[in-house]
């Protein structure tokens, strides 16, 4: 019984840490968006890339901000995904 009590006390005061998945954010410069519908195509292409968790696209500035798991994809793959749907894209937001 004393061991059980000691174990419960140990658990109660032990810091439990849960490792979160790493998340990176990258800014992409997207060329050729000319209307409010274009960001939908860009966002859809990015969301299809495994590891992407969040996407914000602004056609007026030509910028896409993407949050992703670097263990599953990288910024070059994200740029390729957008370029493949007809919008030439560069990493870093430079047009």
N, C-alpha and C. Protein backbone atom coordinates (compact mmCIF):
# COMPACT_ATOMS: atom_id res chain seq x y z
N UNK A 1 0.82 -1.19 0.00
CA UNK A 1 0.00 0.00 0.00
C UNK A 1 0.87 1.25 0.00
N UNK A 2 1.94 1.21 0.73
CA UNK A 2 2.84 2.37 0.77
C UNK A 2 3.42 2.66 -0.61
N UNK A 3 3.73 1.62 -1.37
CA UNK A 3 4.23 1.82 -2.73
C UNK A 3 3.18 2.50 -3.60
N UNK A 4 1.92 2.10 -3.47
CA UNK A 4 0.84 2.71 -4.25
C UNK A 4 0.70 4.18 -3.94
N UNK A 5 0.78 4.52 -2.68
CA UNK A 5 0.67 5.92 -2.27
C UNK A 5 1.85 6.71 -2.81
N UNK A 6 3.03 6.15 -2.71
CA UNK A 6 4.23 6.83 -3.21
C UNK A 6 4.13 7.05 -4.72
N UNK A 7 3.64 6.06 -5.44
CA UNK A 7 3.49 6.17 -6.89
C UNK A 7 2.49 7.27 -7.26
N UNK A 8 1.37 7.33 -6.54
CA UNK A 8 0.36 8.36 -6.80
C UNK A 8 0.94 9.73 -6.51
N UNK A 9 1.70 9.87 -5.44
CA UNK A 9 2.33 11.16 -5.13
C UNK A 9 3.33 11.52 -6.22
N UNK A 10 4.11 10.54 -6.66
CA UNK A 10 5.07 10.78 -7.74
C UNK A 10 4.37 11.30 -8.99
N UNK A 11 3.28 10.65 -9.38
CA UNK A 11 2.53 11.09 -10.56
C UNK A 11 1.94 12.47 -10.39
N UNK A 12 1.47 12.77 -9.21
CA UNK A 12 0.84 14.06 -8.96
C UNK A 12 1.83 15.21 -9.09
N UNK A 13 3.09 14.96 -8.76
CA UNK A 13 4.06 16.05 -8.78
C UNK A 13 5.06 15.96 -9.93
N UNK A 14 4.89 15.00 -10.79
CA UNK A 14 5.77 14.86 -11.95
C UNK A 14 5.28 15.75 -13.08
N UNK A 15 6.18 16.54 -13.65
CA UNK A 15 5.74 17.35 -14.80
C UNK A 15 5.53 16.44 -16.01
N UNK A 16 4.36 16.51 -16.55
CA UNK A 16 4.07 15.74 -17.76
C UNK A 16 4.21 16.67 -18.94
N UNK A 17 5.10 16.32 -19.82
CA UNK A 17 5.28 17.15 -21.01
C UNK A 17 4.89 16.34 -22.23
N UNK A 18 4.15 16.95 -23.07
CA UNK A 18 3.75 16.33 -24.32
C UNK A 18 4.44 17.10 -25.43
N UNK A 19 5.23 16.40 -26.19
CA UNK A 19 5.96 17.04 -27.27
C UNK A 19 4.98 17.44 -28.38
N UNK A 20 4.96 18.72 -28.69
CA UNK A 20 4.11 19.22 -29.76
C UNK A 20 4.82 19.03 -31.09
N UNK A 21 4.04 18.83 -32.13
CA UNK A 21 4.63 18.75 -33.46
C UNK A 21 5.25 20.09 -33.80
N UNK A 22 6.43 20.09 -34.40
CA UNK A 22 7.04 21.37 -34.77
C UNK A 22 6.24 22.02 -35.90
N UNK A 23 6.13 23.32 -35.83
CA UNK A 23 5.41 24.06 -36.87
C UNK A 23 6.32 25.18 -37.37
N UNK A 24 6.48 25.25 -38.67
CA UNK A 24 7.20 26.35 -39.31
C UNK A 24 6.17 27.20 -40.07
N UNK A 25 6.52 28.45 -40.27
CA UNK A 25 5.68 29.34 -41.08
C UNK A 25 6.56 29.95 -42.16
N UNK A 26 6.03 29.98 -43.38
CA UNK A 26 6.77 30.56 -44.49
C UNK A 26 5.86 31.52 -45.23
N UNK A 27 6.47 32.54 -45.80
CA UNK A 27 5.76 33.49 -46.66
C UNK A 27 6.13 33.18 -48.10
N UNK A 28 5.11 33.04 -48.93
CA UNK A 28 5.31 32.76 -50.34
C UNK A 28 4.84 33.96 -51.17
N UNK A 29 5.59 34.31 -52.18
CA UNK A 29 5.17 35.33 -53.14
C UNK A 29 4.47 34.64 -54.29
N UNK A 30 3.21 34.96 -54.48
CA UNK A 30 2.39 34.29 -55.49
C UNK A 30 2.08 35.29 -56.61
N UNK A 31 2.47 34.94 -57.83
CA UNK A 31 2.24 35.81 -58.98
C UNK A 31 0.98 35.38 -59.72
N UNK A 32 0.33 36.35 -60.35
CA UNK A 32 -0.78 36.04 -61.25
C UNK A 32 -2.16 36.00 -60.62
N UNK A 33 -2.27 36.29 -59.33
CA UNK A 33 -3.61 36.33 -58.74
C UNK A 33 -4.25 37.66 -59.13
N UNK A 34 -5.35 37.57 -59.85
CA UNK A 34 -5.96 38.79 -60.39
C UNK A 34 -7.36 39.07 -59.86
N UNK A 35 -7.91 38.14 -59.08
CA UNK A 35 -9.27 38.35 -58.57
C UNK A 35 -9.43 37.67 -57.21
N UNK A 36 -10.56 37.90 -56.60
CA UNK A 36 -10.81 37.35 -55.27
C UNK A 36 -10.95 35.82 -55.27
N UNK A 37 -11.18 35.21 -56.42
CA UNK A 37 -11.31 33.75 -56.49
C UNK A 37 -9.95 33.05 -56.55
N UNK A 38 -8.93 33.73 -57.02
CA UNK A 38 -7.61 33.11 -57.15
C UNK A 38 -7.06 32.55 -55.82
N UNK A 39 -7.20 33.26 -54.71
CA UNK A 39 -6.69 32.72 -53.45
C UNK A 39 -7.34 31.39 -53.05
N UNK A 40 -8.55 31.14 -53.51
CA UNK A 40 -9.20 29.87 -53.20
C UNK A 40 -8.42 28.72 -53.84
N UNK A 41 -8.01 28.91 -55.09
CA UNK A 41 -7.23 27.89 -55.79
C UNK A 41 -5.88 27.69 -55.11
N UNK A 42 -5.24 28.78 -54.74
CA UNK A 42 -3.93 28.71 -54.08
C UNK A 42 -4.06 28.01 -52.73
N UNK A 43 -5.06 28.41 -51.96
CA UNK A 43 -5.26 27.81 -50.63
C UNK A 43 -5.56 26.31 -50.74
N UNK A 44 -6.39 25.93 -51.70
CA UNK A 44 -6.73 24.53 -51.90
C UNK A 44 -5.48 23.71 -52.25
N UNK A 45 -4.64 24.25 -53.13
CA UNK A 45 -3.41 23.55 -53.51
C UNK A 45 -2.50 23.36 -52.30
N UNK A 46 -2.39 24.37 -51.47
CA UNK A 46 -1.52 24.28 -50.30
C UNK A 46 -2.08 23.33 -49.25
N UNK A 47 -3.38 23.36 -49.04
CA UNK A 47 -4.00 22.49 -48.04
C UNK A 47 -3.87 21.01 -48.41
N UNK A 48 -3.67 20.72 -49.69
CA UNK A 48 -3.51 19.33 -50.13
C UNK A 48 -2.12 18.77 -49.83
N UNK A 49 -1.19 19.64 -49.49
CA UNK A 49 0.17 19.19 -49.18
C UNK A 49 0.18 18.62 -47.76
N UNK A 50 0.61 17.36 -47.60
CA UNK A 50 0.65 16.77 -46.26
C UNK A 50 1.51 17.61 -45.31
N UNK A 51 0.99 17.86 -44.12
CA UNK A 51 1.73 18.62 -43.12
C UNK A 51 1.31 20.07 -43.00
N UNK A 52 0.53 20.57 -43.95
CA UNK A 52 0.08 21.97 -43.89
C UNK A 52 -1.05 22.08 -42.87
N UNK A 53 -0.90 23.03 -41.95
CA UNK A 53 -1.92 23.19 -40.90
C UNK A 53 -2.73 24.47 -41.04
N UNK A 54 -2.17 25.49 -41.68
CA UNK A 54 -2.90 26.75 -41.82
C UNK A 54 -2.40 27.50 -43.05
N UNK A 55 -3.33 28.16 -43.74
CA UNK A 55 -2.98 28.92 -44.94
C UNK A 55 -3.77 30.22 -44.94
N UNK A 56 -3.08 31.33 -45.21
CA UNK A 56 -3.72 32.63 -45.41
C UNK A 56 -3.19 33.19 -46.72
N UNK A 57 -4.10 33.59 -47.60
CA UNK A 57 -3.70 34.09 -48.92
C UNK A 57 -4.36 35.44 -49.16
N UNK A 58 -3.58 36.41 -49.63
CA UNK A 58 -4.11 37.74 -49.94
C UNK A 58 -3.74 38.08 -51.38
N UNK A 59 -4.75 38.13 -52.25
CA UNK A 59 -4.45 38.37 -53.67
C UNK A 59 -3.98 39.79 -53.92
N UNK A 60 -4.40 40.75 -53.11
CA UNK A 60 -3.97 42.14 -53.32
C UNK A 60 -2.47 42.31 -53.13
N UNK A 61 -1.92 41.60 -52.13
CA UNK A 61 -0.48 41.71 -51.86
C UNK A 61 0.31 40.62 -52.56
N UNK A 62 -0.36 39.56 -53.01
CA UNK A 62 0.32 38.43 -53.64
C UNK A 62 1.11 37.59 -52.65
N UNK A 63 0.64 37.57 -51.41
CA UNK A 63 1.34 36.85 -50.34
C UNK A 63 0.49 35.71 -49.81
N UNK A 64 1.15 34.57 -49.61
CA UNK A 64 0.53 33.43 -48.92
C UNK A 64 1.39 33.12 -47.70
N UNK A 65 0.77 33.01 -46.55
CA UNK A 65 1.46 32.61 -45.33
C UNK A 65 1.00 31.20 -45.00
N UNK A 66 1.96 30.30 -44.85
CA UNK A 66 1.64 28.89 -44.67
C UNK A 66 2.33 28.36 -43.41
N UNK A 67 1.56 27.71 -42.55
CA UNK A 67 2.10 27.01 -41.39
C UNK A 67 2.11 25.53 -41.72
N UNK A 68 3.24 24.87 -41.43
CA UNK A 68 3.38 23.48 -41.82
C UNK A 68 4.34 22.73 -40.89
N UNK A 69 4.24 21.42 -40.92
CA UNK A 69 5.12 20.54 -40.15
C UNK A 69 6.36 20.26 -41.01
N UNK A 70 7.54 20.72 -40.56
CA UNK A 70 8.75 20.53 -41.36
C UNK A 70 9.19 19.07 -41.48
N UNK A 71 8.59 18.18 -40.68
CA UNK A 71 8.89 16.76 -40.81
C UNK A 71 8.12 16.12 -41.96
N UNK A 72 7.13 16.85 -42.49
CA UNK A 72 6.29 16.29 -43.55
C UNK A 72 6.45 16.99 -44.89
N UNK A 73 6.88 18.25 -44.89
CA UNK A 73 7.06 18.98 -46.14
C UNK A 73 8.07 20.10 -45.92
N UNK A 74 8.30 20.90 -46.94
CA UNK A 74 9.22 22.04 -46.83
C UNK A 74 8.74 23.17 -47.72
N UNK A 75 9.37 24.31 -47.59
CA UNK A 75 8.92 25.50 -48.32
C UNK A 75 9.01 25.34 -49.83
N UNK A 76 10.00 24.62 -50.30
CA UNK A 76 10.12 24.41 -51.76
C UNK A 76 8.96 23.58 -52.29
N UNK A 77 8.53 22.57 -51.54
CA UNK A 77 7.39 21.76 -51.95
C UNK A 77 6.10 22.58 -51.95
N UNK A 78 5.98 23.49 -51.01
CA UNK A 78 4.80 24.36 -50.96
C UNK A 78 4.77 25.27 -52.20
N UNK A 79 5.92 25.84 -52.53
CA UNK A 79 5.99 26.70 -53.71
C UNK A 79 5.67 25.91 -54.98
N UNK A 80 6.16 24.66 -55.07
CA UNK A 80 5.87 23.82 -56.23
C UNK A 80 4.37 23.54 -56.35
N UNK A 81 3.72 23.32 -55.22
CA UNK A 81 2.28 23.01 -55.24
C UNK A 81 1.49 24.17 -55.81
N UNK A 82 1.86 25.39 -55.46
CA UNK A 82 1.14 26.57 -55.97
C UNK A 82 1.48 26.81 -57.43
N UNK A 83 2.75 26.67 -57.78
CA UNK A 83 3.18 26.85 -59.16
C UNK A 83 2.47 25.85 -60.07
N UNK A 84 2.25 24.63 -59.58
CA UNK A 84 1.63 23.59 -60.41
C UNK A 84 0.17 23.87 -60.74
N UNK A 85 -0.48 24.78 -60.00
CA UNK A 85 -1.86 25.14 -60.32
C UNK A 85 -1.94 26.47 -61.08
N UNK A 86 -0.79 26.92 -61.60
CA UNK A 86 -0.80 28.07 -62.49
C UNK A 86 -0.39 29.41 -61.90
N UNK A 87 0.15 29.40 -60.69
CA UNK A 87 0.58 30.64 -60.07
C UNK A 87 2.06 30.54 -59.69
N UNK A 88 2.96 31.08 -60.53
CA UNK A 88 4.38 31.02 -60.21
C UNK A 88 4.63 31.58 -58.81
N UNK A 89 5.41 30.84 -58.01
CA UNK A 89 5.56 31.17 -56.60
C UNK A 89 7.01 31.10 -56.18
N UNK A 90 7.40 32.04 -55.32
CA UNK A 90 8.74 32.06 -54.76
C UNK A 90 8.66 32.04 -53.24
N UNK A 91 9.65 31.43 -52.63
CA UNK A 91 9.74 31.40 -51.17
C UNK A 91 10.26 32.73 -50.69
N UNK A 92 9.66 33.29 -49.66
CA UNK A 92 10.12 34.54 -49.09
C UNK A 92 9.31 35.74 -49.51
N UNK A 93 8.34 35.53 -50.33
CA UNK A 93 7.45 36.63 -50.69
C UNK A 93 8.01 37.56 -51.74
N UNK A 94 9.13 37.22 -52.34
CA UNK A 94 9.73 38.07 -53.36
C UNK A 94 9.15 37.71 -54.71
N UNK A 95 8.62 38.69 -55.42
CA UNK A 95 8.03 38.43 -56.76
C UNK A 95 9.09 38.59 -57.82
